PDB file of all heavy atoms in Angstrom:
ATOM      1  N   ASN A   1     108.330  88.329 118.455  1.00  0.00           N
ATOM      2  CA  ASN A   1     108.534  87.857 119.824  1.00  0.00           C
ATOM      3  C   ASN A   1     107.692  86.639 120.172  1.00  0.00           C
ATOM      4  O   ASN A   1     107.856  86.049 121.241  1.00  0.00           O
ATOM      5  CB  ASN A   1     108.180  88.991 120.817  1.00  0.00           C
ATOM      6  CG  ASN A   1     108.973  90.241 120.588  1.00  0.00           C
ATOM      7  OD1 ASN A   1     110.179  90.165 120.367  1.00  0.00           O
ATOM      8  ND2 ASN A   1     108.316  91.413 120.615  1.00  0.00           N
ATOM      9  N   TYR A   2     106.783  86.265 119.261  1.00  0.00           N
ATOM     10  CA  TYR A   2     105.807  85.219 119.602  1.00  0.00           C
ATOM     11  C   TYR A   2     105.981  83.935 118.811  1.00  0.00           C
ATOM     12  O   TYR A   2     105.380  82.919 119.151  1.00  0.00           O
ATOM     13  CB  TYR A   2     104.383  85.747 119.374  1.00  0.00           C
ATOM     14  CG  TYR A   2     104.040  86.975 120.106  1.00  0.00           C
ATOM     15  CD1 TYR A   2     103.251  87.983 119.499  1.00  0.00           C
ATOM     16  CD2 TYR A   2     104.485  87.202 121.410  1.00  0.00           C
ATOM     17  CE1 TYR A   2     102.934  89.168 120.170  1.00  0.00           C
ATOM     18  CE2 TYR A   2     104.186  88.403 122.070  1.00  0.00           C
ATOM     19  CZ  TYR A   2     103.395  89.347 121.476  1.00  0.00           C
ATOM     20  OH  TYR A   2     103.070  90.499 122.134  1.00  0.00           O
ATOM     21  N   ASN A   3     106.762  83.931 117.747  1.00  0.00           N
ATOM     22  CA  ASN A   3     106.947  82.675 116.998  1.00  0.00           C
ATOM     23  C   ASN A   3     108.358  82.553 116.497  1.00  0.00           C
ATOM     24  O   ASN A   3     109.167  83.482 116.609  1.00  0.00           O
ATOM     25  CB  ASN A   3     105.936  82.580 115.845  1.00  0.00           C
ATOM     26  CG  ASN A   3     106.039  83.742 114.868  1.00  0.00           C
ATOM     27  OD1 ASN A   3     107.151  84.218 114.595  1.00  0.00           O
ATOM     28  ND2 ASN A   3     104.945  84.180 114.302  1.00  0.00           N
ATOM     29  N   ASP A   4     108.687  81.394 115.973  1.00  0.00           N
ATOM     30  CA  ASP A   4     110.056  81.080 115.531  1.00  0.00           C
ATOM     31  C   ASP A   4     110.204  81.037 114.007  1.00  0.00           C
ATOM     32  O   ASP A   4     111.198  80.538 113.496  1.00  0.00           O
ATOM     33  CB  ASP A   4     110.493  79.748 116.098  1.00  0.00           C
ATOM     34  CG  ASP A   4     110.577  79.778 117.618  1.00  0.00           C
ATOM     35  OD1 ASP A   4     110.992  80.802 118.152  1.00  0.00           O
ATOM     36  OD2 ASP A   4     110.197  78.772 118.239  1.00  0.00           O
ATOM     37  N   ILE A   5     109.226  81.547 113.290  1.00  0.00           N
ATOM     38  CA  ILE A   5     109.294  81.578 111.840  1.00  0.00           C
ATOM     39  C   ILE A   5     109.660  82.967 111.360  1.00  0.00           C
ATOM     40  O   ILE A   5     109.633  83.933 112.143  1.00  0.00           O
ATOM     41  CB  ILE A   5     107.952  81.150 111.196  1.00  0.00           C
ATOM     42  CG1 ILE A   5     106.849  82.150 111.567  1.00  0.00           C
ATOM     43  CG2 ILE A   5     107.560  79.756 111.643  1.00  0.00           C
ATOM     44  CD1 ILE A   5     105.567  81.901 110.798  1.00  0.00           C
ATOM     45  N   LYS A   6     109.990  83.090 110.090  1.00  0.00           N
ATOM     46  CA  LYS A   6     110.238  84.398 109.521  1.00  0.00           C
ATOM     47  C   LYS A   6     108.925  84.934 108.989  1.00  0.00           C
ATOM     48  O   LYS A   6     108.281  84.357 108.069  1.00  0.00           O
ATOM     49  CB  LYS A   6     111.276  84.324 108.381  1.00  0.00           C
ATOM     50  CG  LYS A   6     111.673  85.688 107.859  1.00  0.00           C
ATOM     51  CD  LYS A   6     112.904  85.640 106.979  1.00  0.00           C
ATOM     52  CE  LYS A   6     113.297  87.044 106.528  1.00  0.00           C
ATOM     53  NZ  LYS A   6     114.547  87.051 105.762  1.00  0.00           N
ATOM     54  N   ASN A   7     108.484  86.032 109.518  1.00  0.00           N
ATOM     55  CA  ASN A   7     107.218  86.655 109.182  1.00  0.00           C
ATOM     56  C   ASN A   7     107.358  87.536 107.948  1.00  0.00           C
ATOM     57  O   ASN A   7     108.445  88.018 107.635  1.00  0.00           O
ATOM     58  CB  ASN A   7     106.669  87.451 110.363  1.00  0.00           C
ATOM     59  CG  ASN A   7     106.469  86.587 111.582  1.00  0.00           C
ATOM     60  OD1 ASN A   7     105.890  85.511 111.506  1.00  0.00           O
ATOM     61  ND2 ASN A   7     106.937  87.049 112.723  1.00  0.00           N
ATOM     62  N   ASP A   8     106.242  87.766 107.287  1.00  0.00           N
ATOM     63  CA  ASP A   8     106.263  88.509 106.025  1.00  0.00           C
ATOM     64  C   ASP A   8     105.090  89.509 105.997  1.00  0.00           C
ATOM     65  O   ASP A   8     104.006  89.224 106.482  1.00  0.00           O
ATOM     66  CB  ASP A   8     106.121  87.515 104.844  1.00  0.00           C
ATOM     67  CG  ASP A   8     106.440  88.179 103.514  1.00  0.00           C
ATOM     68  OD1 ASP A   8     107.160  89.177 103.498  1.00  0.00           O
ATOM     69  OD2 ASP A   8     105.952  87.662 102.480  1.00  0.00           O
ATOM     70  N   PHE A   9     105.370  90.689 105.395  1.00  0.00           N
ATOM     71  CA  PHE A   9     104.366  91.764 105.384  1.00  0.00           C
ATOM     72  C   PHE A   9     104.581  92.560 104.125  1.00  0.00           C
ATOM     73  O   PHE A   9     105.669  93.027 103.885  1.00  0.00           O
ATOM     74  CB  PHE A   9     104.604  92.635 106.629  1.00  0.00           C
ATOM     75  CG  PHE A   9     103.717  93.833 106.791  1.00  0.00           C
ATOM     76  CD1 PHE A   9     102.685  93.813 107.742  1.00  0.00           C
ATOM     77  CD2 PHE A   9     103.924  95.008 106.103  1.00  0.00           C
ATOM     78  CE1 PHE A   9     101.881  94.941 107.941  1.00  0.00           C
ATOM     79  CE2 PHE A   9     103.147  96.136 106.312  1.00  0.00           C
ATOM     80  CZ  PHE A   9     102.128  96.083 107.219  1.00  0.00           C
ATOM     81  N   TYR A  10     103.555  92.682 103.319  1.00  0.00           N
ATOM     82  CA  TYR A  10     103.691  93.532 102.127  1.00  0.00           C
ATOM     83  C   TYR A  10     102.350  94.193 101.804  1.00  0.00           C
ATOM     84  O   TYR A  10     101.286  93.737 102.268  1.00  0.00           O
ATOM     85  CB  TYR A  10     104.239  92.760 100.927  1.00  0.00           C
ATOM     86  CG  TYR A  10     103.315  91.705 100.356  1.00  0.00           C
ATOM     87  CD1 TYR A  10     102.438  92.027  99.328  1.00  0.00           C
ATOM     88  CD2 TYR A  10     103.360  90.417 100.816  1.00  0.00           C
ATOM     89  CE1 TYR A  10     101.610  91.044  98.781  1.00  0.00           C
ATOM     90  CE2 TYR A  10     102.514  89.421 100.302  1.00  0.00           C
ATOM     91  CZ  TYR A  10     101.637  89.776  99.249  1.00  0.00           C
ATOM     92  OH  TYR A  10     100.808  88.824  98.734  1.00  0.00           O
ATOM     93  N   THR A  11     102.402  95.212 100.991  1.00  0.00           N
ATOM     94  CA  THR A  11     101.175  95.973 100.646  1.00  0.00           C
ATOM     95  C   THR A  11     100.970  96.023  99.157  1.00  0.00           C
ATOM     96  O   THR A  11     101.901  95.845  98.351  1.00  0.00           O
ATOM     97  CB  THR A  11     101.272  97.438 101.156  1.00  0.00           C
ATOM     98  OG1 THR A  11     102.303  98.136 100.448  1.00  0.00           O
ATOM     99  CG2 THR A  11     101.564  97.479 102.651  1.00  0.00           C
ATOM    100  N   ASP A  12      99.742  96.297  98.806  1.00  0.00           N
ATOM    101  CA  ASP A  12      99.360  96.549  97.428  1.00  0.00           C
ATOM    102  C   ASP A  12      98.266  97.583  97.451  1.00  0.00           C
ATOM    103  O   ASP A  12      97.560  97.741  98.491  1.00  0.00           O
ATOM    104  CB  ASP A  12      98.848  95.247  96.763  1.00  0.00           C
ATOM    105  CG  ASP A  12      98.798  95.381  95.244  1.00  0.00           C
ATOM    106  OD1 ASP A  12      99.302  96.379  94.684  1.00  0.00           O
ATOM    107  OD2 ASP A  12      98.239  94.456  94.601  1.00  0.00           O
ATOM    108  N   TYR A  13      98.064  98.313  96.388  1.00  0.00           N
ATOM    109  CA  TYR A  13      96.992  99.295  96.353  1.00  0.00           C
ATOM    110  C   TYR A  13      96.440  99.455  94.916  1.00  0.00           C
ATOM    111  O   TYR A  13      97.098  99.127  93.969  1.00  0.00           O
ATOM    112  CB  TYR A  13      97.447 100.664  96.876  1.00  0.00           C
ATOM    113  CG  TYR A  13      98.488 101.370  96.068  1.00  0.00           C
ATOM    114  CD1 TYR A  13      98.141 102.130  94.927  1.00  0.00           C
ATOM    115  CD2 TYR A  13      99.834 101.311  96.417  1.00  0.00           C
ATOM    116  CE1 TYR A  13      99.099 102.768  94.174  1.00  0.00           C
ATOM    117  CE2 TYR A  13     100.818 101.970  95.662  1.00  0.00           C
ATOM    118  CZ  TYR A  13     100.418 102.698  94.543  1.00  0.00           C
ATOM    119  OH  TYR A  13     101.385 103.355  93.794  1.00  0.00           O
ATOM    120  N   GLU A  14      95.212  99.923  94.870  1.00  0.00           N
ATOM    121  CA  GLU A  14      94.555 100.258  93.612  1.00  0.00           C
ATOM    122  C   GLU A  14      94.020 101.672  93.751  1.00  0.00           C
ATOM    123  O   GLU A  14      93.519 102.039  94.799  1.00  0.00           O
ATOM    124  CB  GLU A  14      93.376  99.318  93.324  1.00  0.00           C
ATOM    125  CG  GLU A  14      93.737  97.901  93.052  1.00  0.00           C
ATOM    126  CD  GLU A  14      92.507  97.058  92.711  1.00  0.00           C
ATOM    127  OE1 GLU A  14      91.401  97.656  92.548  1.00  0.00           O
ATOM    128  OE2 GLU A  14      92.603  95.841  92.656  1.00  0.00           O
ATOM    129  N   LEU A  15      94.135 102.432  92.672  1.00  0.00           N
ATOM    130  CA  LEU A  15      93.616 103.786  92.656  1.00  0.00           C
ATOM    131  C   LEU A  15      92.568 103.893  91.559  1.00  0.00           C
ATOM    132  O   LEU A  15      92.839 103.577  90.412  1.00  0.00           O
ATOM    133  CB  LEU A  15      94.705 104.820  92.450  1.00  0.00           C
ATOM    134  CG  LEU A  15      94.239 106.279  92.358  1.00  0.00           C
ATOM    135  CD1 LEU A  15      93.694 106.747  93.700  1.00  0.00           C
ATOM    136  CD2 LEU A  15      95.376 107.185  91.902  1.00  0.00           C
ATOM    137  N   HIS A  16      91.381 104.341  91.938  1.00  0.00           N
ATOM    138  CA  HIS A  16      90.284 104.607  90.978  1.00  0.00           C
ATOM    139  C   HIS A  16      89.929 106.077  91.062  1.00  0.00           C
ATOM    140  O   HIS A  16      89.920 106.649  92.154  1.00  0.00           O
ATOM    141  CB  HIS A  16      89.071 103.731  91.294  1.00  0.00           C
ATOM    142  CG  HIS A  16      89.365 102.272  91.323  1.00  0.00           C
ATOM    143  ND1 HIS A  16      89.314 101.462  90.202  1.00  0.00           N
ATOM    144  CD2 HIS A  16      89.748 101.448  92.347  1.00  0.00           C
ATOM    145  CE1 HIS A  16      89.622 100.236  90.498  1.00  0.00           C
ATOM    146  NE2 HIS A  16      89.885 100.176  91.823  1.00  0.00           N
ATOM    147  N   GLU A  17      89.636 106.655  89.915  1.00  0.00           N
ATOM    148  CA  GLU A  17      89.256 108.077  89.883  1.00  0.00           C
ATOM    149  C   GLU A  17      88.002 108.226  89.048  1.00  0.00           C
ATOM    150  O   GLU A  17      87.869 107.606  87.997  1.00  0.00           O
ATOM    151  CB  GLU A  17      90.386 108.922  89.306  1.00  0.00           C
ATOM    152  CG  GLU A  17      90.124 110.428  89.351  1.00  0.00           C
ATOM    153  CD  GLU A  17      89.344 110.944  88.133  1.00  0.00           C
ATOM    154  OE1 GLU A  17      89.437 110.276  87.052  1.00  0.00           O
ATOM    155  OE2 GLU A  17      88.664 111.991  88.240  1.00  0.00           O
ATOM    156  N   TYR A  18      87.075 109.019  89.530  1.00  0.00           N
ATOM    157  CA  TYR A  18      85.833 109.308  88.777  1.00  0.00           C
ATOM    158  C   TYR A  18      85.314 110.663  89.168  1.00  0.00           C
ATOM    159  O   TYR A  18      85.080 110.962  90.336  1.00  0.00           O
ATOM    160  CB  TYR A  18      84.786 108.238  89.086  1.00  0.00           C
ATOM    161  CG  TYR A  18      83.554 108.345  88.238  1.00  0.00           C
ATOM    162  CD1 TYR A  18      83.579 108.218  86.859  1.00  0.00           C
ATOM    163  CD2 TYR A  18      82.297 108.577  88.853  1.00  0.00           C
ATOM    164  CE1 TYR A  18      82.417 108.330  86.102  1.00  0.00           C
ATOM    165  CE2 TYR A  18      81.142 108.689  88.094  1.00  0.00           C
ATOM    166  CZ  TYR A  18      81.198 108.571  86.709  1.00  0.00           C
ATOM    167  OH  TYR A  18      80.071 108.672  85.959  1.00  0.00           O
ATOM    168  N   ASN A  19      85.147 111.515  88.156  1.00  0.00           N
ATOM    169  CA  ASN A  19      84.606 112.862  88.356  1.00  0.00           C
ATOM    170  C   ASN A  19      85.331 113.648  89.436  1.00  0.00           C
ATOM    171  O   ASN A  19      84.728 114.330  90.276  1.00  0.00           O
ATOM    172  CB  ASN A  19      83.128 112.799  88.693  1.00  0.00           C
ATOM    173  CG  ASN A  19      82.253 112.467  87.474  1.00  0.00           C
ATOM    174  OD1 ASN A  19      82.714 112.558  86.339  1.00  0.00           O
ATOM    175  ND2 ASN A  19      81.022 112.116  87.718  1.00  0.00           N
ATOM    176  N   GLY A  20      86.656 113.521  89.468  1.00  0.00           N
ATOM    177  CA  GLY A  20      87.453 114.313  90.403  1.00  0.00           C
ATOM    178  C   GLY A  20      87.497 113.744  91.821  1.00  0.00           C
ATOM    179  O   GLY A  20      87.985 114.393  92.743  1.00  0.00           O
ATOM    180  N   ILE A  21      86.990 112.533  91.995  1.00  0.00           N
ATOM    181  CA  ILE A  21      87.071 111.844  93.274  1.00  0.00           C
ATOM    182  C   ILE A  21      88.033 110.660  93.167  1.00  0.00           C
ATOM    183  O   ILE A  21      87.982 109.908  92.209  1.00  0.00           O
ATOM    184  CB  ILE A  21      85.664 111.297  93.734  1.00  0.00           C
ATOM    185  CG1 ILE A  21      84.603 112.403  93.660  1.00  0.00           C
ATOM    186  CG2 ILE A  21      85.772 110.705  95.135  1.00  0.00           C
ATOM    187  CD1 ILE A  21      84.809 113.538  94.649  1.00  0.00           C
ATOM    188  N   TYR A  22      88.906 110.542  94.146  1.00  0.00           N
ATOM    189  CA  TYR A  22      89.930 109.480  94.135  1.00  0.00           C
ATOM    190  C   TYR A  22      89.565 108.427  95.206  1.00  0.00           C
ATOM    191  O   TYR A  22      89.243 108.780  96.349  1.00  0.00           O
ATOM    192  CB  TYR A  22      91.319 110.044  94.404  1.00  0.00           C
ATOM    193  CG  TYR A  22      91.770 110.991  93.323  1.00  0.00           C
ATOM    194  CD1 TYR A  22      91.544 112.334  93.402  1.00  0.00           C
ATOM    195  CD2 TYR A  22      92.435 110.490  92.192  1.00  0.00           C
ATOM    196  CE1 TYR A  22      91.969 113.209  92.399  1.00  0.00           C
ATOM    197  CE2 TYR A  22      92.836 111.339  91.174  1.00  0.00           C
ATOM    198  CZ  TYR A  22      92.580 112.708  91.296  1.00  0.00           C
ATOM    199  OH  TYR A  22      92.996 113.545  90.276  1.00  0.00           O
ATOM    200  N   PHE A  23      89.625 107.155  94.784  1.00  0.00           N
ATOM    201  CA  PHE A  23      89.330 106.064  95.690  1.00  0.00           C
ATOM    202  C   PHE A  23      90.573 105.178  95.749  1.00  0.00           C
ATOM    203  O   PHE A  23      90.894 104.423  94.851  1.00  0.00           O
ATOM    204  CB  PHE A  23      88.177 105.224  95.143  1.00  0.00           C
ATOM    205  CG  PHE A  23      86.935 106.051  94.852  1.00  0.00           C
ATOM    206  CD1 PHE A  23      86.731 106.604  93.610  1.00  0.00           C
ATOM    207  CD2 PHE A  23      85.955 106.207  95.826  1.00  0.00           C
ATOM    208  CE1 PHE A  23      85.563 107.331  93.326  1.00  0.00           C
ATOM    209  CE2 PHE A  23      84.809 106.933  95.556  1.00  0.00           C
ATOM    210  CZ  PHE A  23      84.609 107.501  94.314  1.00  0.00           C
ATOM    211  N   LEU A  24      91.330 105.343  96.820  1.00  0.00           N
ATOM    212  CA  LEU A  24      92.614 104.623  97.013  1.00  0.00           C
ATOM    213  C   LEU A  24      92.397 103.446  97.963  1.00  0.00           C
ATOM    214  O   LEU A  24      92.088 103.634  99.142  1.00  0.00           O
ATOM    215  CB  LEU A  24      93.658 105.594  97.585  1.00  0.00           C
ATOM    216  CG  LEU A  24      95.031 104.988  97.879  1.00  0.00           C
ATOM    217  CD1 LEU A  24      95.707 104.469  96.625  1.00  0.00           C
ATOM    218  CD2 LEU A  24      95.931 106.041  98.547  1.00  0.00           C
ATOM    219  N   GLN A  25      92.525 102.254  97.447  1.00  0.00           N
ATOM    220  CA  GLN A  25      92.295 101.025  98.223  1.00  0.00           C
ATOM    221  C   GLN A  25      93.599 100.332  98.519  1.00  0.00           C
ATOM    222  O   GLN A  25      94.345  99.995  97.605  1.00  0.00           O
ATOM    223  CB  GLN A  25      91.346 100.096  97.443  1.00  0.00           C
ATOM    224  CG  GLN A  25      89.995 100.719  97.133  1.00  0.00           C
ATOM    225  CD  GLN A  25      89.088  99.784  96.335  1.00  0.00           C
ATOM    226  OE1 GLN A  25      89.511  98.758  95.860  1.00  0.00           O
ATOM    227  NE2 GLN A  25      87.821 100.183  96.193  1.00  0.00           N
ATOM    228  N   TYR A  26      93.834 100.105  99.807  1.00  0.00           N
ATOM    229  CA  TYR A  26      95.061  99.415 100.263  1.00  0.00           C
ATOM    230  C   TYR A  26      94.737  98.032 100.757  1.00  0.00           C
ATOM    231  O   TYR A  26      93.721  97.798 101.435  1.00  0.00           O
ATOM    232  CB  TYR A  26      95.693 100.196 101.420  1.00  0.00           C
ATOM    233  CG  TYR A  26      96.909 100.988 101.024  1.00  0.00           C
ATOM    234  CD1 TYR A  26      96.816 102.364 100.746  1.00  0.00           C
ATOM    235  CD2 TYR A  26      98.167 100.386 100.957  1.00  0.00           C
ATOM    236  CE1 TYR A  26      97.947 103.099 100.404  1.00  0.00           C
ATOM    237  CE2 TYR A  26      99.305 101.121 100.606  1.00  0.00           C
ATOM    238  CZ  TYR A  26      99.167 102.473 100.339  1.00  0.00           C
ATOM    239  OH  TYR A  26     100.278 103.182  99.984  1.00  0.00           O
ATOM    240  N   THR A  27      95.647  97.098 100.439  1.00  0.00           N
ATOM    241  CA  THR A  27      95.587  95.752 101.003  1.00  0.00           C
ATOM    242  C   THR A  27      96.934  95.418 101.624  1.00  0.00           C
ATOM    243  O   THR A  27      97.970  95.533 100.977  1.00  0.00           O
ATOM    244  CB  THR A  27      95.274  94.703  99.936  1.00  0.00           C
ATOM    245  OG1 THR A  27      93.992  94.985  99.339  1.00  0.00           O
ATOM    246  CG2 THR A  27      95.248  93.297 100.532  1.00  0.00           C
ATOM    247  N   ILE A  28      96.923  95.057 102.870  1.00  0.00           N
ATOM    248  CA  ILE A  28      98.110  94.558 103.554  1.00  0.00           C
ATOM    249  C   ILE A  28      97.989  93.034 103.618  1.00  0.00           C
ATOM    250  O   ILE A  28      96.949  92.494 104.047  1.00  0.00           O
ATOM    251  CB  ILE A  28      98.224  95.103 104.992  1.00  0.00           C
ATOM    252  CG1 ILE A  28      98.510  96.616 104.953  1.00  0.00           C
ATOM    253  CG2 ILE A  28      99.339  94.386 105.757  1.00  0.00           C
ATOM    254  CD1 ILE A  28      98.477  97.266 106.332  1.00  0.00           C
ATOM    255  N   SER A  29      99.013  92.334 103.199  1.00  0.00           N
ATOM    256  CA  SER A  29      99.071  90.886 103.355  1.00  0.00           C
ATOM    257  C   SER A  29     100.187  90.545 104.317  1.00  0.00           C
ATOM    258  O   SER A  29     101.341  90.972 104.087  1.00  0.00           O
ATOM    259  CB  SER A  29      99.326  90.202 101.981  1.00  0.00           C
ATOM    260  OG  SER A  29      98.263  90.490 101.091  1.00  0.00           O
ATOM    261  N   SER A  30      99.899  89.817 105.378  1.00  0.00           N
ATOM    262  CA  SER A  30     100.932  89.474 106.322  1.00  0.00           C
ATOM    263  C   SER A  30     100.851  87.994 106.671  1.00  0.00           C
ATOM    264  O   SER A  30      99.777  87.426 106.716  1.00  0.00           O
ATOM    265  CB  SER A  30     100.799  90.319 107.588  1.00  0.00           C
ATOM    266  OG  SER A  30      99.622  89.999 108.299  1.00  0.00           O
ATOM    267  N   TYR A  31     102.034  87.433 106.876  1.00  0.00           N
ATOM    268  CA  TYR A  31     102.109  86.021 107.262  1.00  0.00           C
ATOM    269  C   TYR A  31     102.862  85.912 108.570  1.00  0.00           C
ATOM    270  O   TYR A  31     104.028  86.327 108.686  1.00  0.00           O
ATOM    271  CB  TYR A  31     102.823  85.186 106.186  1.00  0.00           C
ATOM    272  CG  TYR A  31     102.853  83.712 106.534  1.00  0.00           C
ATOM    273  CD1 TYR A  31     101.731  82.955 106.370  1.00  0.00           C
ATOM    274  CD2 TYR A  31     104.004  83.136 107.071  1.00  0.00           C
ATOM    275  CE1 TYR A  31     101.734  81.577 106.709  1.00  0.00           C
ATOM    276  CE2 TYR A  31     104.017  81.786 107.412  1.00  0.00           C
ATOM    277  CZ  TYR A  31     102.868  81.017 107.237  1.00  0.00           C
ATOM    278  OH  TYR A  31     102.887  79.702 107.598  1.00  0.00           O
ATOM    279  N   THR A  32     102.199  85.370 109.568  1.00  0.00           N
ATOM    280  CA  THR A  32     102.795  85.159 110.876  1.00  0.00           C
ATOM    281  C   THR A  32     102.567  83.742 111.378  1.00  0.00           C
ATOM    282  O   THR A  32     102.539  83.489 112.575  1.00  0.00           O
ATOM    283  CB  THR A  32     102.237  86.186 111.902  1.00  0.00           C
ATOM    284  OG1 THR A  32     100.813  86.067 111.921  1.00  0.00           O
ATOM    285  CG2 THR A  32     102.634  87.603 111.539  1.00  0.00           C
ATOM    286  N   GLY A  33     102.379  82.839 110.423  1.00  0.00           N
ATOM    287  CA  GLY A  33     102.079  81.458 110.733  1.00  0.00           C
ATOM    288  C   GLY A  33     100.661  81.088 110.267  1.00  0.00           C
ATOM    289  O   GLY A  33      99.827  81.957 110.013  1.00  0.00           O
ATOM    290  N   GLY A  34     100.420  79.800 110.149  1.00  0.00           N
ATOM    291  CA  GLY A  34      99.108  79.368 109.727  1.00  0.00           C
ATOM    292  C   GLY A  34      99.109  78.884 108.289  1.00  0.00           C
ATOM    293  O   GLY A  34     100.144  78.687 107.663  1.00  0.00           O
ATOM    294  N   VAL A  35      97.902  78.695 107.746  1.00  0.00           N
ATOM    295  CA  VAL A  35      97.751  78.096 106.416  1.00  0.00           C
ATOM    296  C   VAL A  35      98.069  79.085 105.307  1.00  0.00           C
ATOM    297  O   VAL A  35      98.609  78.730 104.281  1.00  0.00           O
ATOM    298  CB  VAL A  35      96.277  77.555 106.227  1.00  0.00           C
ATOM    299  CG1 VAL A  35      96.095  76.984 104.856  1.00  0.00           C
ATOM    300  CG2 VAL A  35      95.998  76.487 107.318  1.00  0.00           C
ATOM    301  N   HIS A  36      97.709  80.350 105.499  1.00  0.00           N
ATOM    302  CA  HIS A  36      97.871  81.325 104.433  1.00  0.00           C
ATOM    303  C   HIS A  36      98.067  82.730 105.043  1.00  0.00           C
ATOM    304  O   HIS A  36      97.972  82.932 106.248  1.00  0.00           O
ATOM    305  CB  HIS A  36      96.676  81.304 103.477  1.00  0.00           C
ATOM    306  CG  HIS A  36      95.341  81.388 104.183  1.00  0.00           C
ATOM    307  ND1 HIS A  36      94.933  82.475 104.884  1.00  0.00           N
ATOM    308  CD2 HIS A  36      94.325  80.509 104.267  1.00  0.00           C
ATOM    309  CE1 HIS A  36      93.738  82.297 105.380  1.00  0.00           C
ATOM    310  NE2 HIS A  36      93.339  81.091 105.013  1.00  0.00           N
ATOM    311  N   TYR A  37      98.277  83.667 104.140  1.00  0.00           N
ATOM    312  CA  TYR A  37      98.419  85.067 104.540  1.00  0.00           C
ATOM    313  C   TYR A  37      97.116  85.601 105.143  1.00  0.00           C
ATOM    314  O   TYR A  37      96.032  85.137 104.813  1.00  0.00           O
ATOM    315  CB  TYR A  37      98.813  85.922 103.352  1.00  0.00           C
ATOM    316  CG  TYR A  37     100.291  85.908 102.999  1.00  0.00           C
ATOM    317  CD1 TYR A  37     100.859  84.795 102.384  1.00  0.00           C
ATOM    318  CD2 TYR A  37     101.121  86.981 103.297  1.00  0.00           C
ATOM    319  CE1 TYR A  37     102.215  84.762 102.078  1.00  0.00           C
ATOM    320  CE2 TYR A  37     102.455  86.983 103.002  1.00  0.00           C
ATOM    321  CZ  TYR A  37     103.009  85.854 102.395  1.00  0.00           C
ATOM    322  OH  TYR A  37     104.336  85.853 102.104  1.00  0.00           O
ATOM    323  N   PHE A  38      97.267  86.625 105.979  1.00  0.00           N
ATOM    324  CA  PHE A  38      96.126  87.318 106.521  1.00  0.00           C
ATOM    325  C   PHE A  38      96.048  88.693 105.845  1.00  0.00           C
ATOM    326  O   PHE A  38      97.084  89.340 105.622  1.00  0.00           O
ATOM    327  CB  PHE A  38      96.318  87.515 108.054  1.00  0.00           C
ATOM    328  CG  PHE A  38      95.250  88.283 108.730  1.00  0.00           C
ATOM    329  CD1 PHE A  38      93.978  87.716 108.916  1.00  0.00           C
ATOM    330  CD2 PHE A  38      95.464  89.584 109.148  1.00  0.00           C
ATOM    331  CE1 PHE A  38      92.970  88.447 109.504  1.00  0.00           C
ATOM    332  CE2 PHE A  38      94.446  90.309 109.771  1.00  0.00           C
ATOM    333  CZ  PHE A  38      93.202  89.741 109.951  1.00  0.00           C
ATOM    334  N   GLN A  39      94.847  89.102 105.501  1.00  0.00           N
ATOM    335  CA  GLN A  39      94.680  90.390 104.804  1.00  0.00           C
ATOM    336  C   GLN A  39      94.000  91.416 105.675  1.00  0.00           C
ATOM    337  O   GLN A  39      93.074  91.141 106.407  1.00  0.00           O
ATOM    338  CB  GLN A  39      93.870  90.195 103.528  1.00  0.00           C
ATOM    339  CG  GLN A  39      94.632  89.578 102.368  1.00  0.00           C
ATOM    340  CD  GLN A  39      93.911  89.697 101.038  1.00  0.00           C
ATOM    341  OE1 GLN A  39      92.760  90.203 100.978  1.00  0.00           O
ATOM    342  NE2 GLN A  39      94.543  89.254  99.977  1.00  0.00           N
ATOM    343  N   ILE A  40      94.497  92.652 105.516  1.00  0.00           N
ATOM    344  CA  ILE A  40      93.873  93.829 106.138  1.00  0.00           C
ATOM    345  C   ILE A  40      93.634  94.853 105.045  1.00  0.00           C
ATOM    346  O   ILE A  40      94.525  95.133 104.256  1.00  0.00           O
ATOM    347  CB  ILE A  40      94.778  94.461 107.227  1.00  0.00           C
ATOM    348  CG1 ILE A  40      95.209  93.387 108.238  1.00  0.00           C
ATOM    349  CG2 ILE A  40      94.062  95.601 107.942  1.00  0.00           C
ATOM    350  CD1 ILE A  40      96.349  93.866 109.162  1.00  0.00           C
TER     351      ILE A  40
END
């Protein structure tokens, strides 16, 4: 509703496991204008 470009949003994740503990890391990359993607 705020800009005239086609916006983009995608995710990636990494899973690490050690001694029965899981560490799931997510990265969201979104583009809504500007020089480059924004990461969350």
